[in-house]
Amino acid sequence: MMKRRSFNIFVKGAFNAGDTVTVQMEIGINGYWAELTRTFFAGSISDEWHRAHQACVAAQDATLKEIRDGASARAVDSAARNVMQQAGFGSAFKHGLGHGFGFQAINHAAAPVLHPASNATLRSGMVHNMEPAVYLDGKGGMRLNDNVAVQADGNDVLSRSRESDLDWLVVAG
């Protein structure tokens, strides 16, 4: 059984109400690595960021319907990208949907690469992240990053117990 650890994050500087604060955690256990990212909102959330968060959640939901053994990584990325486009954030989603992990927390070339130009095929046992994001020039960005294991009949979201709803992500000042 893995011991659960808690930690505090202390940030120097001031945040204004509505600012985004993206926290990326890199976790290493017994030589294996993963990453998890959440974006928090200082004190309040604007309608635009609320819509961006909804788009990222919907993009993850669409992605999870596609992830399974034999799926095209390009098609999985496209499922998320289509949702982001329909929500009006297509050009604000500026990177691929995800990449594999395990021996490094962040290696954008680790298989499987979920990207519009990817030729990868997902196979049972692969693990990867899915990180739909919105980056708005001059306003900041938000990313919702979870970790997924590919299975023969679908997938298992390994980080699902980590909160991603807005009640948890809007932090009082």
N, C-alpha and C. Protein backbone atom coordinates (compact mmCIF):
# COMPACT_ATOMS: atom_id res chain seq x y z
N MET A 1 0.83 -1.17 0.00
CA MET A 1 0.00 0.00 0.00
C MET A 1 0.88 1.24 0.00
N MET A 2 0.58 2.18 -0.90
CA MET A 2 1.37 3.39 -1.01
C MET A 2 0.95 4.38 0.08
N LYS A 3 1.94 4.95 0.74
CA LYS A 3 1.67 5.94 1.77
C LYS A 3 1.26 7.25 1.12
N ARG A 4 0.17 7.82 1.59
CA ARG A 4 -0.31 9.09 1.06
C ARG A 4 0.45 10.21 1.74
N ARG A 5 0.93 11.16 0.97
CA ARG A 5 1.69 12.28 1.51
C ARG A 5 0.98 13.57 1.20
N SER A 6 1.07 14.50 2.09
CA SER A 6 0.50 15.82 1.83
C SER A 6 1.64 16.82 1.78
N PHE A 7 1.40 17.95 1.17
CA PHE A 7 2.41 18.98 1.07
C PHE A 7 1.75 20.33 0.95
N ASN A 8 2.51 21.34 1.26
CA ASN A 8 2.04 22.72 1.12
C ASN A 8 2.87 23.40 0.06
N ILE A 9 2.25 24.30 -0.65
CA ILE A 9 2.95 25.09 -1.66
C ILE A 9 2.90 26.54 -1.20
N PHE A 10 4.05 27.16 -1.12
CA PHE A 10 4.13 28.55 -0.74
C PHE A 10 4.60 29.35 -1.94
N VAL A 11 3.89 30.39 -2.27
CA VAL A 11 4.19 31.19 -3.45
C VAL A 11 4.48 32.62 -3.01
N LYS A 12 5.60 33.14 -3.48
CA LYS A 12 5.91 34.55 -3.22
C LYS A 12 5.29 35.39 -4.32
N GLY A 13 4.81 36.54 -3.95
CA GLY A 13 4.24 37.44 -4.94
C GLY A 13 2.75 37.58 -4.73
N ALA A 14 2.18 38.46 -5.49
CA ALA A 14 0.76 38.74 -5.34
C ALA A 14 -0.01 38.20 -6.54
N PHE A 15 -1.21 37.78 -6.25
CA PHE A 15 -2.13 37.35 -7.29
C PHE A 15 -3.35 38.24 -7.22
N ASN A 16 -3.88 38.56 -8.36
CA ASN A 16 -5.12 39.31 -8.42
C ASN A 16 -6.28 38.34 -8.55
N ALA A 17 -7.45 38.77 -8.10
CA ALA A 17 -8.64 37.93 -8.23
C ALA A 17 -8.81 37.52 -9.68
N GLY A 18 -9.02 36.23 -9.89
CA GLY A 18 -9.23 35.71 -11.23
C GLY A 18 -7.97 35.22 -11.93
N ASP A 19 -6.77 35.51 -11.38
CA ASP A 19 -5.54 35.03 -11.99
C ASP A 19 -5.52 33.50 -12.00
N THR A 20 -4.89 32.94 -13.01
CA THR A 20 -4.69 31.49 -13.07
C THR A 20 -3.34 31.15 -12.44
N VAL A 21 -3.30 30.04 -11.73
CA VAL A 21 -2.07 29.54 -11.12
C VAL A 21 -1.99 28.06 -11.49
N THR A 22 -1.09 27.72 -12.40
CA THR A 22 -0.95 26.35 -12.85
C THR A 22 0.13 25.66 -12.01
N VAL A 23 -0.24 24.52 -11.44
CA VAL A 23 0.67 23.75 -10.61
C VAL A 23 0.90 22.41 -11.28
N GLN A 24 2.15 22.14 -11.60
CA GLN A 24 2.51 20.86 -12.22
C GLN A 24 3.30 20.06 -11.21
N MET A 25 2.82 18.87 -10.90
CA MET A 25 3.49 18.00 -9.96
C MET A 25 4.13 16.85 -10.72
N GLU A 26 5.35 16.55 -10.39
CA GLU A 26 6.05 15.41 -10.97
C GLU A 26 6.28 14.42 -9.85
N ILE A 27 5.78 13.22 -10.02
CA ILE A 27 5.78 12.23 -8.96
C ILE A 27 6.68 11.08 -9.36
N GLY A 28 7.59 10.71 -8.48
CA GLY A 28 8.47 9.57 -8.72
C GLY A 28 8.35 8.55 -7.61
N ILE A 29 8.07 7.30 -7.97
CA ILE A 29 7.96 6.22 -7.00
C ILE A 29 8.69 5.00 -7.56
N ASN A 30 9.67 4.52 -6.83
CA ASN A 30 10.41 3.31 -7.21
C ASN A 30 10.95 3.37 -8.64
N GLY A 31 11.42 4.53 -9.06
CA GLY A 31 12.01 4.69 -10.38
C GLY A 31 11.04 4.97 -11.50
N TYR A 32 9.74 5.02 -11.22
CA TYR A 32 8.73 5.34 -12.22
C TYR A 32 8.19 6.73 -11.97
N TRP A 33 7.86 7.42 -13.05
CA TRP A 33 7.46 8.82 -12.97
C TRP A 33 6.11 9.08 -13.62
N ALA A 34 5.46 10.09 -13.11
CA ALA A 34 4.22 10.57 -13.71
C ALA A 34 4.13 12.07 -13.44
N GLU A 35 3.25 12.72 -14.12
CA GLU A 35 3.00 14.14 -13.88
C GLU A 35 1.51 14.36 -13.75
N LEU A 36 1.15 15.38 -13.02
CA LEU A 36 -0.24 15.74 -12.85
C LEU A 36 -0.29 17.25 -12.76
N THR A 37 -1.20 17.86 -13.49
CA THR A 37 -1.30 19.32 -13.51
C THR A 37 -2.73 19.74 -13.23
N ARG A 38 -2.85 20.76 -12.41
CA ARG A 38 -4.13 21.41 -12.15
C ARG A 38 -3.90 22.91 -12.21
N THR A 39 -4.89 23.63 -12.69
CA THR A 39 -4.85 25.09 -12.69
C THR A 39 -5.87 25.57 -11.67
N PHE A 40 -5.39 26.42 -10.79
CA PHE A 40 -6.23 27.02 -9.76
C PHE A 40 -6.54 28.45 -10.15
N PHE A 41 -7.61 28.98 -9.58
CA PHE A 41 -8.05 30.34 -9.87
C PHE A 41 -8.07 31.12 -8.57
N ALA A 42 -7.42 32.25 -8.57
CA ALA A 42 -7.26 33.05 -7.35
C ALA A 42 -8.54 33.83 -7.04
N GLY A 43 -9.27 33.35 -6.05
CA GLY A 43 -10.42 34.08 -5.52
C GLY A 43 -11.70 33.99 -6.31
N SER A 44 -11.62 34.03 -7.62
CA SER A 44 -12.82 33.99 -8.45
C SER A 44 -12.43 33.47 -9.83
N ILE A 45 -13.44 33.23 -10.63
CA ILE A 45 -13.18 32.76 -11.99
C ILE A 45 -14.08 33.54 -12.95
N SER A 46 -13.48 34.01 -14.03
CA SER A 46 -14.25 34.76 -15.03
C SER A 46 -15.10 33.80 -15.85
N ASP A 47 -16.07 34.34 -16.54
CA ASP A 47 -16.90 33.51 -17.43
C ASP A 47 -16.05 32.83 -18.50
N GLU A 48 -15.05 33.55 -19.02
CA GLU A 48 -14.18 32.99 -20.06
C GLU A 48 -13.40 31.78 -19.53
N TRP A 49 -12.82 31.90 -18.32
CA TRP A 49 -12.08 30.77 -17.76
C TRP A 49 -13.03 29.64 -17.36
N HIS A 50 -14.23 29.97 -16.95
CA HIS A 50 -15.22 28.95 -16.65
C HIS A 50 -15.53 28.13 -17.90
N ARG A 51 -15.73 28.83 -19.03
CA ARG A 51 -15.98 28.14 -20.30
C ARG A 51 -14.75 27.33 -20.74
N ALA A 52 -13.55 27.85 -20.50
CA ALA A 52 -12.33 27.13 -20.85
C ALA A 52 -12.21 25.84 -20.03
N HIS A 53 -12.52 25.94 -18.75
CA HIS A 53 -12.49 24.75 -17.90
C HIS A 53 -13.50 23.72 -18.37
N GLN A 54 -14.71 24.17 -18.67
CA GLN A 54 -15.74 23.25 -19.18
C GLN A 54 -15.29 22.58 -20.48
N ALA A 55 -14.63 23.35 -21.34
CA ALA A 55 -14.13 22.79 -22.60
C ALA A 55 -13.07 21.72 -22.35
N CYS A 56 -12.17 21.96 -21.40
CA CYS A 56 -11.13 20.98 -21.09
C CYS A 56 -11.73 19.70 -20.51
N VAL A 57 -12.72 19.83 -19.64
CA VAL A 57 -13.39 18.65 -19.09
C VAL A 57 -14.10 17.89 -20.20
N ALA A 58 -14.82 18.61 -21.07
CA ALA A 58 -15.52 17.96 -22.19
C ALA A 58 -14.52 17.30 -23.15
N ALA A 59 -13.37 17.93 -23.36
CA ALA A 59 -12.34 17.34 -24.23
C ALA A 59 -11.81 16.04 -23.62
N GLN A 60 -11.61 16.02 -22.31
CA GLN A 60 -11.19 14.78 -21.66
C GLN A 60 -12.27 13.70 -21.81
N ASP A 61 -13.52 14.08 -21.60
CA ASP A 61 -14.61 13.10 -21.72
C ASP A 61 -14.66 12.51 -23.13
N ALA A 62 -14.51 13.35 -24.15
CA ALA A 62 -14.51 12.88 -25.53
C ALA A 62 -13.32 11.97 -25.80
N THR A 63 -12.19 12.33 -25.25
CA THR A 63 -10.97 11.55 -25.42
C THR A 63 -11.12 10.16 -24.81
N LEU A 64 -11.70 10.11 -23.61
CA LEU A 64 -11.84 8.83 -22.93
C LEU A 64 -12.74 7.85 -23.68
N LYS A 65 -13.64 8.37 -24.50
CA LYS A 65 -14.49 7.50 -25.32
C LYS A 65 -13.69 6.83 -26.44
N GLU A 66 -12.53 7.39 -26.77
CA GLU A 66 -11.72 6.90 -27.89
C GLU A 66 -10.55 6.03 -27.45
N ILE A 67 -10.07 6.21 -26.23
CA ILE A 67 -8.85 5.53 -25.78
C ILE A 67 -9.14 4.06 -25.49
N ARG A 68 -8.46 3.19 -26.26
CA ARG A 68 -8.56 1.74 -26.09
C ARG A 68 -7.47 1.09 -26.94
N ASP A 69 -7.24 -0.16 -26.73
CA ASP A 69 -6.26 -0.90 -27.52
C ASP A 69 -6.61 -0.79 -29.01
N GLY A 70 -5.64 -0.43 -29.83
CA GLY A 70 -5.83 -0.32 -31.27
C GLY A 70 -6.26 1.06 -31.76
N ALA A 71 -6.54 1.98 -30.86
CA ALA A 71 -6.97 3.32 -31.28
C ALA A 71 -5.79 4.11 -31.85
N SER A 72 -6.08 4.95 -32.80
CA SER A 72 -5.09 5.84 -33.38
C SER A 72 -4.84 7.01 -32.44
N ALA A 73 -3.59 7.27 -32.12
CA ALA A 73 -3.24 8.41 -31.26
C ALA A 73 -3.69 9.72 -31.89
N ARG A 74 -3.61 9.80 -33.22
CA ARG A 74 -4.06 10.99 -33.94
C ARG A 74 -5.57 11.19 -33.77
N ALA A 75 -6.33 10.11 -33.82
CA ALA A 75 -7.79 10.20 -33.66
C ALA A 75 -8.16 10.59 -32.23
N VAL A 76 -7.41 10.10 -31.26
CA VAL A 76 -7.66 10.47 -29.86
C VAL A 76 -7.41 11.96 -29.68
N ASP A 77 -6.29 12.46 -30.20
CA ASP A 77 -6.00 13.89 -30.14
C ASP A 77 -7.11 14.69 -30.84
N SER A 78 -7.57 14.19 -31.97
CA SER A 78 -8.60 14.88 -32.74
C SER A 78 -9.91 14.98 -31.97
N ALA A 79 -10.24 13.97 -31.19
CA ALA A 79 -11.48 14.01 -30.39
C ALA A 79 -11.45 15.19 -29.43
N ALA A 80 -10.30 15.40 -28.77
CA ALA A 80 -10.16 16.54 -27.86
C ALA A 80 -10.15 17.85 -28.62
N ARG A 81 -9.40 17.87 -29.72
CA ARG A 81 -9.25 19.10 -30.51
C ARG A 81 -10.60 19.56 -31.08
N ASN A 82 -11.44 18.62 -31.51
CA ASN A 82 -12.76 18.98 -32.03
C ASN A 82 -13.62 19.65 -30.97
N VAL A 83 -13.58 19.13 -29.74
CA VAL A 83 -14.34 19.75 -28.64
C VAL A 83 -13.82 21.16 -28.38
N MET A 84 -12.52 21.32 -28.34
CA MET A 84 -11.94 22.64 -28.07
C MET A 84 -12.31 23.63 -29.17
N GLN A 85 -12.31 23.17 -30.41
CA GLN A 85 -12.69 24.01 -31.55
C GLN A 85 -14.15 24.44 -31.42
N GLN A 86 -15.04 23.50 -31.16
CA GLN A 86 -16.47 23.81 -31.02
C GLN A 86 -16.74 24.76 -29.87
N ALA A 87 -15.93 24.71 -28.83
CA ALA A 87 -16.10 25.59 -27.68
C ALA A 87 -15.49 26.97 -27.90
N GLY A 88 -14.84 27.16 -29.05
CA GLY A 88 -14.23 28.45 -29.36
C GLY A 88 -12.80 28.61 -28.88
N PHE A 89 -12.17 27.50 -28.47
CA PHE A 89 -10.80 27.56 -27.95
C PHE A 89 -9.82 26.77 -28.81
N GLY A 90 -10.18 26.49 -30.06
CA GLY A 90 -9.32 25.69 -30.93
C GLY A 90 -7.92 26.25 -31.07
N SER A 91 -7.79 27.53 -31.33
CA SER A 91 -6.46 28.13 -31.51
C SER A 91 -5.73 28.33 -30.18
N ALA A 92 -6.45 28.22 -29.07
CA ALA A 92 -5.84 28.38 -27.75
C ALA A 92 -5.30 27.06 -27.20
N PHE A 93 -5.60 25.96 -27.88
CA PHE A 93 -5.06 24.65 -27.51
C PHE A 93 -3.82 24.46 -28.37
N LYS A 94 -2.65 24.81 -27.81
CA LYS A 94 -1.44 25.02 -28.61
C LYS A 94 -0.44 23.88 -28.59
N HIS A 95 -0.78 22.73 -28.03
CA HIS A 95 0.15 21.61 -28.03
C HIS A 95 -0.63 20.32 -28.22
N GLY A 96 0.09 19.23 -28.37
CA GLY A 96 -0.56 17.94 -28.51
C GLY A 96 -1.31 17.55 -27.24
N LEU A 97 -2.20 16.59 -27.37
CA LEU A 97 -3.01 16.17 -26.24
C LEU A 97 -2.20 15.49 -25.14
N GLY A 98 -1.17 14.74 -25.51
CA GLY A 98 -0.43 14.05 -24.46
C GLY A 98 0.73 13.24 -24.98
N HIS A 99 1.37 12.56 -24.02
CA HIS A 99 2.55 11.75 -24.30
C HIS A 99 2.67 10.68 -23.22
N GLY A 100 3.45 9.68 -23.52
CA GLY A 100 3.68 8.62 -22.55
C GLY A 100 4.52 9.10 -21.38
N PHE A 101 4.52 8.31 -20.34
CA PHE A 101 5.38 8.60 -19.18
C PHE A 101 5.73 7.28 -18.52
N GLY A 102 6.59 7.34 -17.57
CA GLY A 102 7.00 6.14 -16.84
C GLY A 102 8.43 6.26 -16.38
N PHE A 103 9.36 6.42 -17.32
CA PHE A 103 10.76 6.52 -16.95
C PHE A 103 11.20 7.97 -16.79
N GLN A 104 10.39 8.89 -17.24
CA GLN A 104 10.57 10.33 -17.04
C GLN A 104 9.17 10.90 -16.87
N ALA A 105 9.04 11.93 -16.04
CA ALA A 105 7.73 12.56 -15.87
C ALA A 105 7.34 13.29 -17.15
N ILE A 106 8.28 14.02 -17.72
CA ILE A 106 7.96 14.79 -18.92
C ILE A 106 8.95 14.45 -20.01
N ASN A 107 8.46 13.82 -21.04
CA ASN A 107 9.23 13.52 -22.24
C ASN A 107 8.21 13.56 -23.38
N HIS A 108 8.16 14.67 -24.07
CA HIS A 108 7.15 14.86 -25.11
C HIS A 108 7.27 13.87 -26.27
N ALA A 109 8.39 13.13 -26.32
CA ALA A 109 8.57 12.14 -27.38
C ALA A 109 8.28 10.72 -26.89
N ALA A 110 7.92 10.56 -25.62
CA ALA A 110 7.66 9.22 -25.08
C ALA A 110 6.36 8.66 -25.66
N ALA A 111 6.43 7.41 -26.11
CA ALA A 111 5.26 6.76 -26.70
C ALA A 111 4.24 6.45 -25.61
N PRO A 112 2.99 6.58 -25.96
CA PRO A 112 2.46 7.05 -27.23
C PRO A 112 2.35 8.57 -27.25
N VAL A 113 2.65 9.17 -28.37
CA VAL A 113 2.50 10.62 -28.54
C VAL A 113 1.12 10.86 -29.14
N LEU A 114 0.30 11.63 -28.42
CA LEU A 114 -1.05 11.97 -28.89
C LEU A 114 -0.99 13.37 -29.46
N HIS A 115 -0.96 13.45 -30.77
CA HIS A 115 -0.70 14.71 -31.47
C HIS A 115 -1.34 14.60 -32.86
N PRO A 116 -1.69 15.74 -33.49
CA PRO A 116 -2.28 15.67 -34.84
C PRO A 116 -1.39 14.98 -35.88
N ALA A 117 -0.08 15.00 -35.69
CA ALA A 117 0.83 14.40 -36.67
C ALA A 117 1.29 13.00 -36.27
N SER A 118 0.76 12.46 -35.19
CA SER A 118 1.21 11.16 -34.68
C SER A 118 0.76 10.01 -35.58
N ASN A 119 1.64 9.04 -35.72
CA ASN A 119 1.30 7.79 -36.41
C ASN A 119 1.17 6.63 -35.43
N ALA A 120 1.19 6.93 -34.13
CA ALA A 120 1.17 5.89 -33.09
C ALA A 120 -0.20 5.21 -32.99
N THR A 121 -0.15 3.98 -32.57
CA THR A 121 -1.35 3.21 -32.26
C THR A 121 -1.29 2.86 -30.79
N LEU A 122 -2.39 3.09 -30.07
CA LEU A 122 -2.43 2.78 -28.64
C LEU A 122 -2.53 1.28 -28.45
N ARG A 123 -1.79 0.78 -27.47
CA ARG A 123 -1.78 -0.64 -27.16
C ARG A 123 -2.05 -0.84 -25.67
N SER A 124 -2.73 -1.91 -25.36
CA SER A 124 -3.03 -2.24 -23.97
C SER A 124 -1.74 -2.26 -23.16
N GLY A 125 -1.78 -1.62 -22.00
CA GLY A 125 -0.60 -1.53 -21.13
C GLY A 125 0.15 -0.22 -21.24
N MET A 126 -0.07 0.54 -22.32
CA MET A 126 0.57 1.84 -22.43
C MET A 126 -0.04 2.80 -21.42
N VAL A 127 0.77 3.71 -20.92
CA VAL A 127 0.28 4.77 -20.05
C VAL A 127 0.66 6.11 -20.68
N HIS A 128 -0.23 7.06 -20.56
CA HIS A 128 0.03 8.39 -21.12
C HIS A 128 -0.79 9.41 -20.36
N ASN A 129 -0.44 10.67 -20.56
CA ASN A 129 -1.27 11.72 -19.99
C ASN A 129 -2.22 12.23 -21.07
N MET A 130 -3.23 12.96 -20.63
CA MET A 130 -4.10 13.69 -21.54
C MET A 130 -4.25 15.06 -20.91
N GLU A 131 -3.85 16.07 -21.66
CA GLU A 131 -3.77 17.41 -21.08
C GLU A 131 -4.34 18.48 -22.00
N PRO A 132 -5.66 18.48 -22.19
CA PRO A 132 -6.23 19.60 -22.95
C PRO A 132 -5.96 20.89 -22.19
N ALA A 133 -5.75 21.96 -22.93
CA ALA A 133 -5.35 23.22 -22.31
C ALA A 133 -5.87 24.39 -23.11
N VAL A 134 -5.94 25.52 -22.45
CA VAL A 134 -6.31 26.79 -23.08
C VAL A 134 -5.29 27.82 -22.64
N TYR A 135 -4.63 28.46 -23.61
CA TYR A 135 -3.67 29.52 -23.34
C TYR A 135 -4.15 30.78 -24.04
N LEU A 136 -4.48 31.80 -23.27
CA LEU A 136 -5.02 33.05 -23.81
C LEU A 136 -3.97 34.14 -23.69
N ASP A 137 -3.56 34.68 -24.84
CA ASP A 137 -2.52 35.70 -24.86
C ASP A 137 -2.85 36.85 -23.93
N GLY A 138 -1.90 37.19 -23.06
CA GLY A 138 -2.05 38.29 -22.13
C GLY A 138 -2.94 37.99 -20.93
N LYS A 139 -3.51 36.77 -20.87
CA LYS A 139 -4.42 36.43 -19.77
C LYS A 139 -3.97 35.22 -18.96
N GLY A 140 -3.08 34.43 -19.52
CA GLY A 140 -2.63 33.23 -18.82
C GLY A 140 -3.11 31.97 -19.50
N GLY A 141 -3.06 30.88 -18.74
CA GLY A 141 -3.47 29.61 -19.31
C GLY A 141 -3.96 28.67 -18.25
N MET A 142 -4.60 27.61 -18.72
CA MET A 142 -5.03 26.54 -17.82
C MET A 142 -4.86 25.21 -18.53
N ARG A 143 -4.51 24.21 -17.73
CA ARG A 143 -4.31 22.87 -18.29
C ARG A 143 -4.93 21.87 -17.30
N LEU A 144 -5.61 20.89 -17.84
CA LEU A 144 -6.21 19.82 -17.04
C LEU A 144 -5.54 18.52 -17.48
N ASN A 145 -4.61 18.05 -16.68
CA ASN A 145 -3.76 16.93 -17.04
C ASN A 145 -4.07 15.74 -16.14
N ASP A 146 -4.49 14.64 -16.74
CA ASP A 146 -4.71 13.39 -16.02
C ASP A 146 -3.93 12.28 -16.69
N ASN A 147 -3.76 11.17 -15.97
CA ASN A 147 -2.97 10.04 -16.44
C ASN A 147 -3.89 8.86 -16.74
N VAL A 148 -3.62 8.18 -17.87
CA VAL A 148 -4.51 7.13 -18.36
C VAL A 148 -3.70 5.88 -18.71
N ALA A 149 -4.25 4.73 -18.37
CA ALA A 149 -3.70 3.44 -18.80
C ALA A 149 -4.62 2.88 -19.88
N VAL A 150 -4.04 2.49 -21.00
CA VAL A 150 -4.81 1.90 -22.09
C VAL A 150 -5.09 0.44 -21.75
N GLN A 151 -6.33 0.04 -21.97
CA GLN A 151 -6.73 -1.35 -21.72
C GLN A 151 -7.38 -1.92 -22.98
N ALA A 152 -7.48 -3.22 -23.02
CA ALA A 152 -8.05 -3.88 -24.20
C ALA A 152 -9.46 -3.39 -24.49
N ASP A 153 -10.23 -3.16 -23.45
CA ASP A 153 -11.63 -2.78 -23.63
C ASP A 153 -11.91 -1.32 -23.29
N GLY A 154 -10.89 -0.51 -23.22
CA GLY A 154 -11.09 0.91 -22.90
C GLY A 154 -9.88 1.50 -22.22
N ASN A 155 -10.10 2.07 -21.04
CA ASN A 155 -9.02 2.74 -20.35
C ASN A 155 -9.32 2.85 -18.86
N ASP A 156 -8.29 3.21 -18.12
CA ASP A 156 -8.41 3.44 -16.69
C ASP A 156 -7.74 4.78 -16.40
N VAL A 157 -8.51 5.72 -15.85
CA VAL A 157 -7.94 7.02 -15.50
C VAL A 157 -7.27 6.86 -14.14
N LEU A 158 -5.95 6.88 -14.15
CA LEU A 158 -5.17 6.61 -12.94
C LEU A 158 -5.23 7.75 -11.93
N SER A 159 -5.51 8.94 -12.39
CA SER A 159 -5.51 10.12 -11.51
C SER A 159 -6.91 10.63 -11.24
N ARG A 160 -7.92 9.85 -11.49
CA ARG A 160 -9.31 10.32 -11.36
C ARG A 160 -9.64 10.79 -9.95
N SER A 161 -8.96 10.29 -8.95
CA SER A 161 -9.29 10.71 -7.59
C SER A 161 -8.78 12.12 -7.28
N ARG A 162 -7.97 12.67 -8.17
CA ARG A 162 -7.51 14.05 -7.97
C ARG A 162 -8.60 14.99 -8.44
N GLU A 163 -8.94 15.94 -7.64
CA GLU A 163 -10.04 16.86 -7.95
C GLU A 163 -9.76 17.68 -9.21
N SER A 164 -10.83 17.93 -9.96
CA SER A 164 -10.72 18.80 -11.13
C SER A 164 -11.94 19.69 -11.28
N ASP A 165 -12.86 19.65 -10.30
CA ASP A 165 -14.06 20.49 -10.42
C ASP A 165 -13.77 21.89 -9.88
N LEU A 166 -14.54 22.84 -10.35
CA LEU A 166 -14.28 24.24 -10.03
C LEU A 166 -14.46 24.58 -8.55
N ASP A 167 -15.31 23.86 -7.84
CA ASP A 167 -15.47 24.13 -6.42
C ASP A 167 -14.15 23.96 -5.68
N TRP A 168 -13.31 23.07 -6.17
CA TRP A 168 -12.02 22.79 -5.54
C TRP A 168 -10.92 23.68 -6.11
N LEU A 169 -11.05 24.09 -7.37
CA LEU A 169 -9.98 24.81 -8.05
C LEU A 169 -10.01 26.33 -7.85
N VAL A 170 -11.11 26.89 -7.37
CA VAL A 170 -11.16 28.32 -7.08
C VAL A 170 -10.78 28.47 -5.61
N VAL A 171 -9.65 29.11 -5.39
CA VAL A 171 -9.07 29.23 -4.05
C VAL A 171 -9.29 30.63 -3.53
N ALA A 172 -9.87 30.74 -2.35
CA ALA A 172 -10.12 32.05 -1.74
C ALA A 172 -8.81 32.78 -1.48
N GLY A 173 -8.86 34.08 -1.64
CA GLY A 173 -7.66 34.90 -1.47
C GLY A 173 -7.29 35.17 -0.06
